Amino acid sequence: MTIESKISTSPGWRKPLDALASLKPVSAVLKYCMPVLDRPLMRLSRGRVSLTYGLPTLLLTTTGRKSGEARTAPLLYIQHGDDMALIGTSFGSTRHPAWYLNLMAEPQASVLLDGENVAVTAREATPEERREIWLKATRLYGGFEKYKTRVGDREIPILILTSPGCICD
């Protein structure tokens, strides 16, 4: 199922839930609680079940830029051709997410997606790709626009994850 078909077939209850999740106090709680709960849930289900209630989600494992240890984060992704795009809103924080900083230091990572671990390489999106991905992202989850108003003067990073054997549908 493509992102476009997921957008067009989203259940009616998702829109108010998205609006609630993007409120500043709610997203502040979700920023800390969702990863703690989603990591084990997604690992146990091999990436098939997430608390993101039907939004396309993957588990990204990066190498910690300071520790050198594996760091895993559940993230929404946007399909971009055969690649996956990640948007570093960090729930509207004024700071870049750790996974983004880790990928800038070491672009080799892996994702758990649809039950399979896939090696990926990260790169920054071009300005043209940024526009296209941001449009898809805001259609998928309206909270991204609210987050954009809260990040201050920080440019929200958009990274493209490429894999020779990408299993994106």
Protein backbone atom coordinates (compact mmCIF):
# COMPACT_ATOMS: atom_id res chain seq x y z
CA MET A 1 0.00 0.00 0.00
CA THR A 2 1.44 3.37 -0.99
CA ILE A 3 1.50 6.47 1.20
CA GLU A 4 -1.02 8.10 -1.14
CA SER A 5 -3.48 5.25 -0.68
CA LYS A 6 -2.95 5.31 3.09
CA ILE A 7 -3.76 9.03 3.05
CA SER A 8 -6.90 8.59 1.00
CA THR A 9 -8.12 5.67 3.10
CA SER A 10 -7.38 7.12 6.53
CA PRO A 11 -10.20 6.45 8.98
CA GLY A 12 -12.33 9.45 9.98
CA TRP A 13 -11.27 9.21 13.63
CA ARG A 14 -7.62 9.89 12.75
CA LYS A 15 -7.99 13.62 12.06
CA PRO A 16 -9.14 14.60 15.58
CA LEU A 17 -6.57 12.24 17.10
CA ASP A 18 -3.82 13.88 14.99
CA ALA A 19 -5.00 17.31 16.17
CA LEU A 20 -4.87 16.17 19.79
CA ALA A 21 -1.42 14.56 19.39
CA SER A 22 0.03 17.76 17.92
CA LEU A 23 -1.04 20.01 20.81
CA LYS A 24 2.05 21.30 22.62
CA PRO A 25 1.43 19.65 26.03
CA VAL A 26 0.38 16.35 24.45
CA SER A 27 3.31 16.23 22.02
CA ALA A 28 5.69 17.06 24.90
CA VAL A 29 4.49 13.92 26.69
CA LEU A 30 4.45 11.83 23.51
CA LYS A 31 8.04 12.83 22.73
CA TYR A 32 9.21 10.90 25.79
CA CYS A 33 6.55 8.20 26.17
CA MET A 34 5.99 6.98 22.62
CA PRO A 35 9.55 5.84 21.90
CA VAL A 36 9.76 4.00 25.23
CA LEU A 37 6.54 2.13 24.46
CA ASP A 38 6.90 1.80 20.69
CA ARG A 39 10.44 0.37 20.60
CA PRO A 40 9.56 -2.92 22.35
CA LEU A 41 6.13 -3.11 20.68
CA MET A 42 7.66 -2.75 17.23
CA ARG A 43 10.50 -5.16 18.01
CA LEU A 44 8.09 -7.83 19.27
CA SER A 45 5.85 -7.40 16.23
CA ARG A 46 8.84 -7.18 13.83
CA GLY A 47 7.85 -3.62 12.92
CA ARG A 48 4.24 -4.42 12.09
CA VAL A 49 2.50 -2.84 15.10
CA SER A 50 3.03 0.68 16.43
CA LEU A 51 1.28 3.21 18.63
CA THR A 52 1.13 5.58 15.65
CA TYR A 53 -2.32 4.14 14.82
CA GLY A 54 -1.79 3.31 11.16
CA LEU A 55 0.78 5.90 10.15
CA PRO A 56 3.81 4.45 8.31
CA THR A 57 6.40 3.83 11.02
CA LEU A 58 9.82 2.22 11.07
CA LEU A 59 12.48 1.50 13.67
CA LEU A 60 15.69 3.35 12.82
CA THR A 61 18.93 2.11 14.37
CA THR A 62 21.85 4.52 14.19
CA THR A 63 25.30 4.63 15.75
CA GLY A 64 25.46 7.08 18.65
CA ARG A 65 27.78 9.94 17.68
CA LYS A 66 29.20 10.18 21.22
CA SER A 67 28.79 6.66 22.60
CA GLY A 68 29.37 4.64 19.44
CA GLU A 69 26.55 2.36 20.59
CA ALA A 70 23.41 1.37 18.68
CA ARG A 71 20.51 3.77 19.22
CA THR A 72 17.00 2.89 18.05
CA ALA A 73 14.08 5.26 17.46
CA PRO A 74 10.58 4.62 16.11
CA LEU A 75 9.86 7.23 13.42
CA LEU A 76 7.20 8.13 10.92
CA TYR A 77 8.47 7.90 7.37
CA ILE A 78 7.33 9.18 4.00
CA GLN A 79 7.75 7.04 0.93
CA HIS A 80 9.88 8.87 -1.63
CA GLY A 81 10.15 6.75 -4.76
CA ASP A 82 12.08 3.65 -3.71
CA ASP A 83 13.49 5.48 -0.69
CA MET A 84 12.18 6.54 2.71
CA ALA A 85 12.21 10.10 4.00
CA LEU A 86 12.44 11.10 7.66
CA ILE A 87 11.41 14.48 9.02
CA GLY A 88 13.25 15.78 12.09
CA THR A 89 10.53 17.80 13.81
CA SER A 90 11.24 16.20 17.17
CA PHE A 91 7.61 16.89 18.12
CA GLY A 92 8.18 20.62 17.60
CA SER A 93 11.34 20.90 19.71
CA THR A 94 13.81 23.73 19.14
CA ARG A 95 16.59 21.11 19.07
CA HIS A 96 17.42 18.58 16.37
CA PRO A 97 16.54 14.99 17.24
CA ALA A 98 19.41 12.75 18.33
CA TRP A 99 18.80 10.32 15.47
CA TYR A 100 19.40 13.15 12.99
CA LEU A 101 22.66 14.18 14.66
CA ASN A 102 23.74 10.53 14.71
CA LEU A 103 23.03 10.15 10.99
CA MET A 104 24.97 13.31 10.22
CA ALA A 105 27.97 11.81 12.03
CA GLU A 106 27.51 8.30 10.56
CA PRO A 107 25.06 7.99 7.64
CA GLN A 108 25.07 4.16 7.65
CA ALA A 109 22.12 2.78 9.61
CA SER A 110 19.42 0.13 9.51
CA VAL A 111 15.65 0.12 9.64
CA LEU A 112 13.12 -2.48 10.72
CA LEU A 113 10.25 -2.14 8.28
CA ASP A 114 7.48 -4.60 7.51
CA GLY A 115 9.27 -7.37 9.41
CA GLU A 116 12.63 -6.97 7.66
CA ASN A 117 15.89 -5.32 8.70
CA VAL A 118 17.29 -3.23 5.88
CA ALA A 119 20.67 -1.47 5.70
CA VAL A 120 20.31 2.17 4.63
CA THR A 121 22.42 5.21 3.93
CA ALA A 122 21.13 8.66 4.89
CA ARG A 123 21.51 11.90 2.96
CA GLU A 124 19.95 15.35 3.20
CA ALA A 125 17.04 16.00 0.85
CA THR A 126 17.55 18.49 -1.96
CA PRO A 127 15.39 21.66 -1.88
CA GLU A 128 13.08 20.15 -4.52
CA GLU A 129 12.79 16.88 -2.58
CA ARG A 130 12.12 18.82 0.63
CA ARG A 131 9.10 20.56 -0.92
CA GLU A 132 7.66 17.32 -2.28
CA ILE A 133 8.25 15.36 0.94
CA TRP A 134 6.91 18.13 3.19
CA LEU A 135 3.70 18.25 1.14
CA LYS A 136 3.24 14.47 1.44
CA ALA A 137 4.10 14.57 5.14
CA THR A 138 1.57 17.28 6.01
CA ARG A 139 -1.12 15.43 4.07
CA LEU A 140 -0.29 12.29 6.02
CA TYR A 141 -0.08 13.93 9.47
CA GLY A 142 -1.33 17.48 10.01
CA GLY A 143 0.70 17.83 13.19
CA PHE A 144 3.85 18.50 11.16
CA GLU A 145 2.55 22.01 10.35
CA LYS A 146 1.99 22.74 14.05
CA TYR A 147 5.45 21.44 14.89
CA LYS A 148 6.93 23.76 12.25
CA THR A 149 5.52 26.79 14.11
CA ARG A 150 7.23 25.69 17.35
CA VAL A 151 10.79 24.91 16.22
CA GLY A 152 11.93 28.54 16.27
CA ASP A 153 14.52 29.42 13.64
CA ARG A 154 15.68 25.80 13.36
CA GLU A 155 15.30 24.36 9.87
CA ILE A 156 13.52 21.04 10.14
CA PRO A 157 15.83 18.46 8.59
CA ILE A 158 14.53 16.03 6.00
CA LEU A 159 16.70 13.00 5.34
CA ILE A 160 16.39 10.39 2.62
CA LEU A 161 17.23 6.80 3.49
CA THR A 162 18.42 4.80 0.51
CA SER A 163 18.89 1.05 0.34
CA PRO A 164 19.88 -1.10 -2.60
CA GLY A 165 17.16 -3.53 -1.56
CA CYS A 166 14.51 -1.09 -0.27
CA ILE A 167 11.28 -2.90 0.54
CA CYS A 168 9.11 0.22 0.43
CA ASP A 169 5.72 -0.44 -1.11
